[in-house]
PDB file of N, CA and C in Angstrom:
ATOM      1  N   MET A   1     -56.911  10.511 -51.006  1.00  0.00           N
ATOM      2  CA  MET A   1     -57.040  10.429 -49.700  1.00  0.00           C
ATOM      3  C   MET A   1     -56.652   9.106 -48.991  1.00  0.00           C
ATOM      4  N   LEU A   2     -56.090   9.091 -48.162  1.00  0.00           N
ATOM      5  CA  LEU A   2     -55.658   7.635 -47.363  1.00  0.00           C
ATOM      6  C   LEU A   2     -56.779   7.481 -46.286  1.00  0.00           C
ATOM      7  N   THR A   3     -57.372   6.430 -46.088  1.00  0.00           N
ATOM      8  CA  THR A   3     -58.380   6.262 -45.247  1.00  0.00           C
ATOM      9  C   THR A   3     -58.046   5.133 -44.059  1.00  0.00           C
ATOM     10  N   CYS A   4     -58.608   5.469 -42.826  1.00  0.00           N
ATOM     11  CA  CYS A   4     -58.304   4.880 -41.591  1.00  0.00           C
ATOM     12  C   CYS A   4     -58.714   3.362 -41.794  1.00  0.00           C
ATOM     13  N   SER A   5     -57.918   2.487 -41.134  1.00  0.00           N
ATOM     14  CA  SER A   5     -58.120   1.049 -41.379  1.00  0.00           C
ATOM     15  C   SER A   5     -59.095   0.473 -40.408  1.00  0.00           C
ATOM     16  N   ALA A   6     -59.547   1.243 -39.647  1.00  0.00           N
ATOM     17  CA  ALA A   6     -60.507   0.758 -38.283  1.00  0.00           C
ATOM     18  C   ALA A   6     -62.011   0.355 -39.393  1.00  0.00           C
ATOM     19  N   ARG A   7     -62.412  -0.685 -38.837  1.00  0.00           N
ATOM     20  CA  ARG A   7     -63.646  -1.203 -39.424  1.00  0.00           C
ATOM     21  C   ARG A   7     -64.699  -0.120 -39.389  1.00  0.00           C
ATOM     22  N   ALA A   8     -65.301   0.240 -40.641  1.00  0.00           N
ATOM     23  CA  ALA A   8     -66.242   1.025 -40.843  1.00  0.00           C
ATOM     24  C   ALA A   8     -65.990   2.486 -40.786  1.00  0.00           C
ATOM     25  N   CYS A   9     -64.731   2.860 -40.489  1.00  0.00           N
ATOM     26  CA  CYS A   9     -64.479   4.196 -40.485  1.00  0.00           C
ATOM     27  C   CYS A   9     -63.952   4.668 -41.791  1.00  0.00           C
ATOM     28  N   ARG A  10     -64.325   5.849 -42.356  1.00  0.00           N
ATOM     29  CA  ARG A  10     -63.972   6.421 -43.509  1.00  0.00           C
ATOM     30  C   ARG A  10     -63.216   7.932 -43.334  1.00  0.00           C
ATOM     31  N   ALA A  11     -62.698   8.088 -42.137  1.00  0.00           N
ATOM     32  CA  ALA A  11     -61.982   9.200 -42.059  1.00  0.00           C
ATOM     33  C   ALA A  11     -60.604   9.277 -42.591  1.00  0.00           C
ATOM     34  N   GLU A  12     -60.198  10.416 -42.975  1.00  0.00           N
ATOM     35  CA  GLU A  12     -58.880  10.625 -43.496  1.00  0.00           C
ATOM     36  C   GLU A  12     -57.566  10.049 -42.149  1.00  0.00           C
ATOM     37  N   ALA A  13     -56.649   9.285 -42.853  1.00  0.00           N
ATOM     38  CA  ALA A  13     -55.716   8.782 -41.930  1.00  0.00           C
ATOM     39  C   ALA A  13     -54.532   9.885 -41.542  1.00  0.00           C
ATOM     40  N   ASP A  14     -54.299   9.867 -40.457  1.00  0.00           N
ATOM     41  CA  ASP A  14     -53.238  10.773 -39.853  1.00  0.00           C
ATOM     42  C   ASP A  14     -52.120  10.166 -39.603  1.00  0.00           C
ATOM     43  N   TYR A  15     -52.053   8.781 -39.256  1.00  0.00           N
ATOM     44  CA  TYR A  15     -51.001   8.274 -38.777  1.00  0.00           C
ATOM     45  C   TYR A  15     -50.845   6.715 -39.449  1.00  0.00           C
ATOM     46  N   GLY A  16     -49.470   6.348 -39.227  1.00  0.00           N
ATOM     47  CA  GLY A  16     -49.299   4.885 -39.942  1.00  0.00           C
ATOM     48  C   GLY A  16     -48.973   4.085 -38.633  1.00  0.00           C
ATOM     49  N   ILE A  17     -49.638   2.881 -38.412  1.00  0.00           N
ATOM     50  CA  ILE A  17     -49.195   2.027 -37.284  1.00  0.00           C
ATOM     51  C   ILE A  17     -48.413   0.965 -37.938  1.00  0.00           C
ATOM     52  N   VAL A  18     -46.987   1.125 -37.565  1.00  0.00           N
ATOM     53  CA  VAL A  18     -46.061   0.096 -38.444  1.00  0.00           C
ATOM     54  C   VAL A  18     -45.840  -1.071 -37.403  1.00  0.00           C
ATOM     55  N   TRP A  19     -46.145  -2.430 -37.977  1.00  0.00           N
ATOM     56  CA  TRP A  19     -46.125  -3.501 -37.161  1.00  0.00           C
ATOM     57  C   TRP A  19     -45.374  -4.826 -38.079  1.00  0.00           C
ATOM     58  N   ASN A  20     -45.210  -5.806 -37.388  1.00  0.00           N
ATOM     59  CA  ASN A  20     -44.603  -6.935 -38.091  1.00  0.00           C
ATOM     60  C   ASN A  20     -44.858  -8.180 -37.034  1.00  0.00           C
ATOM     61  N   ASN A  21     -45.403  -9.085 -37.660  1.00  0.00           N
ATOM     62  CA  ASN A  21     -45.660 -10.494 -36.970  1.00  0.00           C
ATOM     63  C   ASN A  21     -44.483 -11.363 -37.412  1.00  0.00           C
ATOM     64  N   PRO A  22     -43.539 -11.555 -36.399  1.00  0.00           N
ATOM     65  CA  PRO A  22     -42.195 -12.320 -36.818  1.00  0.00           C
ATOM     66  C   PRO A  22     -42.623 -13.979 -37.118  1.00  0.00           C
ATOM     67  N   LYS A  23     -43.727 -14.224 -36.712  1.00  0.00           N
ATOM     68  CA  LYS A  23     -44.107 -15.657 -37.085  1.00  0.00           C
ATOM     69  C   LYS A  23     -44.582 -15.839 -38.748  1.00  0.00           C
ATOM     70  N   LEU A  24     -45.054 -14.484 -39.253  1.00  0.00           N
ATOM     71  CA  LEU A  24     -45.300 -14.690 -40.556  1.00  0.00           C
ATOM     72  C   LEU A  24     -44.374 -13.705 -41.637  1.00  0.00           C
ATOM     73  N   HIS A  25     -43.782 -12.906 -40.973  1.00  0.00           N
ATOM     74  CA  HIS A  25     -43.113 -11.807 -41.772  1.00  0.00           C
ATOM     75  C   HIS A  25     -41.554 -11.883 -41.572  1.00  0.00           C
ATOM     76  N   THR A  26     -40.730 -11.515 -42.648  1.00  0.00           N
ATOM     77  CA  THR A  26     -39.271 -11.307 -42.424  1.00  0.00           C
ATOM     78  C   THR A  26     -39.016 -10.272 -41.516  1.00  0.00           C
ATOM     79  N   PRO A  27     -37.935 -10.105 -40.869  1.00  0.00           N
ATOM     80  CA  PRO A  27     -37.772  -9.071 -39.839  1.00  0.00           C
ATOM     81  C   PRO A  27     -37.754  -7.570 -40.537  1.00  0.00           C
ATOM     82  N   GLU A  28     -37.384  -7.589 -41.816  1.00  0.00           N
ATOM     83  CA  GLU A  28     -37.279  -6.100 -42.337  1.00  0.00           C
ATOM     84  C   GLU A  28     -38.763  -5.758 -42.947  1.00  0.00           C
ATOM     85  N   ARG A  29     -39.659  -6.722 -42.870  1.00  0.00           N
ATOM     86  CA  ARG A  29     -40.873  -6.318 -43.430  1.00  0.00           C
ATOM     87  C   ARG A  29     -41.710  -5.449 -42.346  1.00  0.00           C
ATOM     88  N   ARG A  30     -42.253  -4.368 -43.086  1.00  0.00           N
ATOM     89  CA  ARG A  30     -42.984  -3.371 -42.077  1.00  0.00           C
ATOM     90  C   ARG A  30     -44.394  -3.277 -42.683  1.00  0.00           C
ATOM     91  N   LYS A  31     -45.411  -3.847 -42.009  1.00  0.00           N
ATOM     92  CA  LYS A  31     -46.693  -3.753 -42.375  1.00  0.00           C
ATOM     93  C   LYS A  31     -47.241  -2.577 -41.748  1.00  0.00           C
ATOM     94  N   VAL A  32     -48.428  -1.921 -42.557  1.00  0.00           N
ATOM     95  CA  VAL A  32     -48.717  -0.691 -42.070  1.00  0.00           C
ATOM     96  C   VAL A  32     -50.432  -0.658 -42.114  1.00  0.00           C
ATOM     97  N   TRP A  33     -50.891  -0.404 -40.811  1.00  0.00           N
ATOM     98  CA  TRP A  33     -52.431  -0.025 -40.819  1.00  0.00           C
ATOM     99  C   TRP A  33     -52.507   1.656 -40.615  1.00  0.00           C
ATOM    100  N   LEU A  34     -53.416   2.110 -41.323  1.00  0.00           N
ATOM    101  CA  LEU A  34     -53.520   3.538 -41.235  1.00  0.00           C
ATOM    102  C   LEU A  34     -54.457   3.903 -40.347  1.00  0.00           C
ATOM    103  N   ALA A  35     -54.428   5.076 -39.621  1.00  0.00           N
ATOM    104  CA  ALA A  35     -55.230   5.430 -38.516  1.00  0.00           C
ATOM    105  C   ALA A  35     -55.694   6.973 -38.500  1.00  0.00           C
ATOM    106  N   CYS A  36     -56.975   7.215 -38.190  1.00  0.00           N
ATOM    107  CA  CYS A  36     -57.273   8.657 -37.922  1.00  0.00           C
ATOM    108  C   CYS A  36     -56.909   8.819 -36.469  1.00  0.00           C
ATOM    109  N   GLU A  37     -57.164  10.073 -35.937  1.00  0.00           N
ATOM    110  CA  GLU A  37     -56.951  10.572 -34.756  1.00  0.00           C
ATOM    111  C   GLU A  37     -57.589   9.580 -33.683  1.00  0.00           C
ATOM    112  N   ASP A  38     -59.026   9.477 -34.059  1.00  0.00           N
ATOM    113  CA  ASP A  38     -60.025   8.654 -33.056  1.00  0.00           C
ATOM    114  C   ASP A  38     -59.444   7.265 -32.872  1.00  0.00           C
ATOM    115  N   HIS A  39     -58.887   6.754 -34.088  1.00  0.00           N
ATOM    116  CA  HIS A  39     -58.601   5.330 -33.723  1.00  0.00           C
ATOM    117  C   HIS A  39     -57.169   4.939 -33.685  1.00  0.00           C
ATOM    118  N   ARG A  40     -56.215   5.886 -33.421  1.00  0.00           N
ATOM    119  CA  ARG A  40     -54.739   5.672 -33.334  1.00  0.00           C
ATOM    120  C   ARG A  40     -54.472   4.747 -32.183  1.00  0.00           C
ATOM    121  N   GLU A  41     -54.998   5.150 -30.922  1.00  0.00           N
ATOM    122  CA  GLU A  41     -54.680   4.325 -29.902  1.00  0.00           C
ATOM    123  C   GLU A  41     -55.307   2.912 -29.896  1.00  0.00           C
ATOM    124  N   HIS A  42     -56.354   2.826 -30.409  1.00  0.00           N
ATOM    125  CA  HIS A  42     -57.125   1.371 -30.368  1.00  0.00           C
ATOM    126  C   HIS A  42     -56.182   0.411 -31.362  1.00  0.00           C
ATOM    127  N   LEU A  43     -55.929   1.041 -32.396  1.00  0.00           N
ATOM    128  CA  LEU A  43     -55.232   0.083 -33.614  1.00  0.00           C
ATOM    129  C   LEU A  43     -53.719  -0.199 -32.904  1.00  0.00           C
ATOM    130  N   ALA A  44     -53.085   0.841 -32.457  1.00  0.00           N
ATOM    131  CA  ALA A  44     -51.726   0.487 -31.885  1.00  0.00           C
ATOM    132  C   ALA A  44     -51.702  -0.299 -30.731  1.00  0.00           C
ATOM    133  N   GLY A  45     -52.737  -0.128 -29.806  1.00  0.00           N
ATOM    134  CA  GLY A  45     -52.777  -0.992 -28.815  1.00  0.00           C
ATOM    135  C   GLY A  45     -53.048  -2.435 -29.306  1.00  0.00           C
ATOM    136  N   PHE A  46     -53.912  -2.643 -30.273  1.00  0.00           N
ATOM    137  CA  PHE A  46     -54.073  -4.080 -30.569  1.00  0.00           C
ATOM    138  C   PHE A  46     -52.869  -4.744 -31.020  1.00  0.00           C
ATOM    139  N   VAL A  47     -52.207  -4.134 -31.669  1.00  0.00           N
ATOM    140  CA  VAL A  47     -50.757  -4.676 -32.330  1.00  0.00           C
ATOM    141  C   VAL A  47     -49.553  -4.780 -31.121  1.00  0.00           C
ATOM    142  N   SER A  48     -49.649  -3.703 -30.448  1.00  0.00           N
ATOM    143  CA  SER A  48     -48.808  -3.796 -29.164  1.00  0.00           C
ATOM    144  C   SER A  48     -49.119  -4.734 -28.178  1.00  0.00           C
ATOM    145  N   LEU A  49     -50.226  -5.087 -28.011  1.00  0.00           N
ATOM    146  CA  LEU A  49     -50.662  -6.192 -26.896  1.00  0.00           C
ATOM    147  C   LEU A  49     -50.049  -7.605 -27.541  1.00  0.00           C
ATOM    148  N   ARG A  50     -50.034  -7.576 -28.753  1.00  0.00           N
ATOM    149  CA  ARG A  50     -49.366  -8.960 -29.304  1.00  0.00           C
ATOM    150  C   ARG A  50     -47.876  -8.894 -29.429  1.00  0.00           C
ATOM    151  N   GLY A  51     -47.359  -7.666 -29.199  1.00  0.00           N
ATOM    152  CA  GLY A  51     -45.914  -7.502 -29.344  1.00  0.00           C
ATOM    153  C   GLY A  51     -45.357  -7.401 -30.821  1.00  0.00           C
ATOM    154  N   PHE A  52     -46.323  -6.824 -31.766  1.00  0.00           N
ATOM    155  CA  PHE A  52     -46.132  -6.702 -33.118  1.00  0.00           C
ATOM    156  C   PHE A  52     -45.652  -5.133 -33.366  1.00  0.00           C
ATOM    157  N   LEU A  53     -45.907  -4.200 -32.568  1.00  0.00           N
ATOM    158  CA  LEU A  53     -45.797  -2.723 -32.638  1.00  0.00           C
ATOM    159  C   LEU A  53     -44.300  -2.426 -32.936  1.00  0.00           C
ATOM    160  N   ILE A  54     -43.980  -1.676 -34.039  1.00  0.00           N
ATOM    161  CA  ILE A  54     -42.616  -1.215 -34.242  1.00  0.00           C
ATOM    162  C   ILE A  54     -42.594   0.239 -33.911  1.00  0.00           C
ATOM    163  N   GLU A  55     -43.685   1.103 -34.563  1.00  0.00           N
ATOM    164  CA  GLU A  55     -43.779   2.492 -34.298  1.00  0.00           C
ATOM    165  C   GLU A  55     -45.055   3.053 -34.782  1.00  0.00           C
ATOM    166  N   VAL A  56     -45.419   4.281 -34.294  1.00  0.00           N
ATOM    167  CA  VAL A  56     -46.500   4.993 -34.934  1.00  0.00           C
ATOM    168  C   VAL A  56     -45.973   6.190 -35.431  1.00  0.00           C
ATOM    169  N   VAL A  57     -46.186   6.587 -36.612  1.00  0.00           N
ATOM    170  CA  VAL A  57     -45.598   7.841 -37.246  1.00  0.00           C
ATOM    171  C   VAL A  57     -46.756   8.522 -38.079  1.00  0.00           C
ATOM    172  N   PRO A  58     -46.560   9.948 -38.205  1.00  0.00           N
ATOM    173  CA  PRO A  58     -47.454  10.604 -39.039  1.00  0.00           C
ATOM    174  C   PRO A  58     -47.450   9.959 -40.584  1.00  0.00           C
ATOM    175  N   VAL A  59     -48.520   9.950 -41.327  1.00  0.00           N
ATOM    176  CA  VAL A  59     -48.626   9.514 -42.582  1.00  0.00           C
ATOM    177  C   VAL A  59     -47.615   9.976 -43.435  1.00  0.00           C
ATOM    178  N   ALA A  60     -47.330  11.441 -43.413  1.00  0.00           N
ATOM    179  CA  ALA A  60     -46.360  11.951 -44.061  1.00  0.00           C
ATOM    180  C   ALA A  60     -44.834  11.306 -43.877  1.00  0.00           C
ATOM    181  N   GLU A  61     -44.629  10.666 -42.858  1.00  0.00           N
ATOM    182  CA  GLU A  61     -43.378  10.081 -42.736  1.00  0.00           C
ATOM    183  C   GLU A  61     -43.082   8.580 -43.119  1.00  0.00           C
ATOM    184  N   LEU A  62     -44.269   8.021 -43.630  1.00  0.00           N
ATOM    185  CA  LEU A  62     -44.186   6.662 -44.231  1.00  0.00           C
ATOM    186  C   LEU A  62     -43.586   6.576 -45.571  1.00  0.00           C
ATOM    187  N   GLY A  63     -42.631   5.683 -45.576  1.00  0.00           N
ATOM    188  CA  GLY A  63     -41.580   5.729 -46.855  1.00  0.00           C
ATOM    189  C   GLY A  63     -41.979   4.468 -47.701  1.00  0.00           C
ATOM    190  N   GLU A  64     -41.155   4.089 -48.754  1.00  0.00           N
ATOM    191  CA  GLU A  64     -41.395   3.148 -49.684  1.00  0.00           C
ATOM    192  C   GLU A  64     -41.169   1.754 -48.990  1.00  0.00           C
ATOM    193  N   ARG A  65     -40.504   1.694 -47.969  1.00  0.00           N
ATOM    194  CA  ARG A  65     -40.410   0.314 -47.189  1.00  0.00           C
ATOM    195  C   ARG A  65     -41.514  -0.042 -46.346  1.00  0.00           C
ATOM    196  N   ASP A  66     -42.263   0.817 -46.141  1.00  0.00           N
ATOM    197  CA  ASP A  66     -43.580   0.807 -45.328  1.00  0.00           C
ATOM    198  C   ASP A  66     -44.824   0.040 -46.230  1.00  0.00           C
ATOM    199  N   GLY A  67     -45.405  -0.802 -45.860  1.00  0.00           N
ATOM    200  CA  GLY A  67     -46.515  -1.188 -46.716  1.00  0.00           C
ATOM    201  C   GLY A  67     -47.038  -2.610 -46.445  1.00  0.00           C
TER     202      GLY A  67
END
């Protein structure tokens, strides 16, 4: 089971929050936080506010390049 990345949450992850910090990562790097339904908006909003959000996808759509 993949677990949500939110602090203290142990729920199963439904989404991948795909992001990249251009000051730290190469452009092709795709970092992923996992999120349950309850934390999807919060985690996506956190990286979006900083301009790091690439996309939010269902866990089943995450690929080898994500990680």
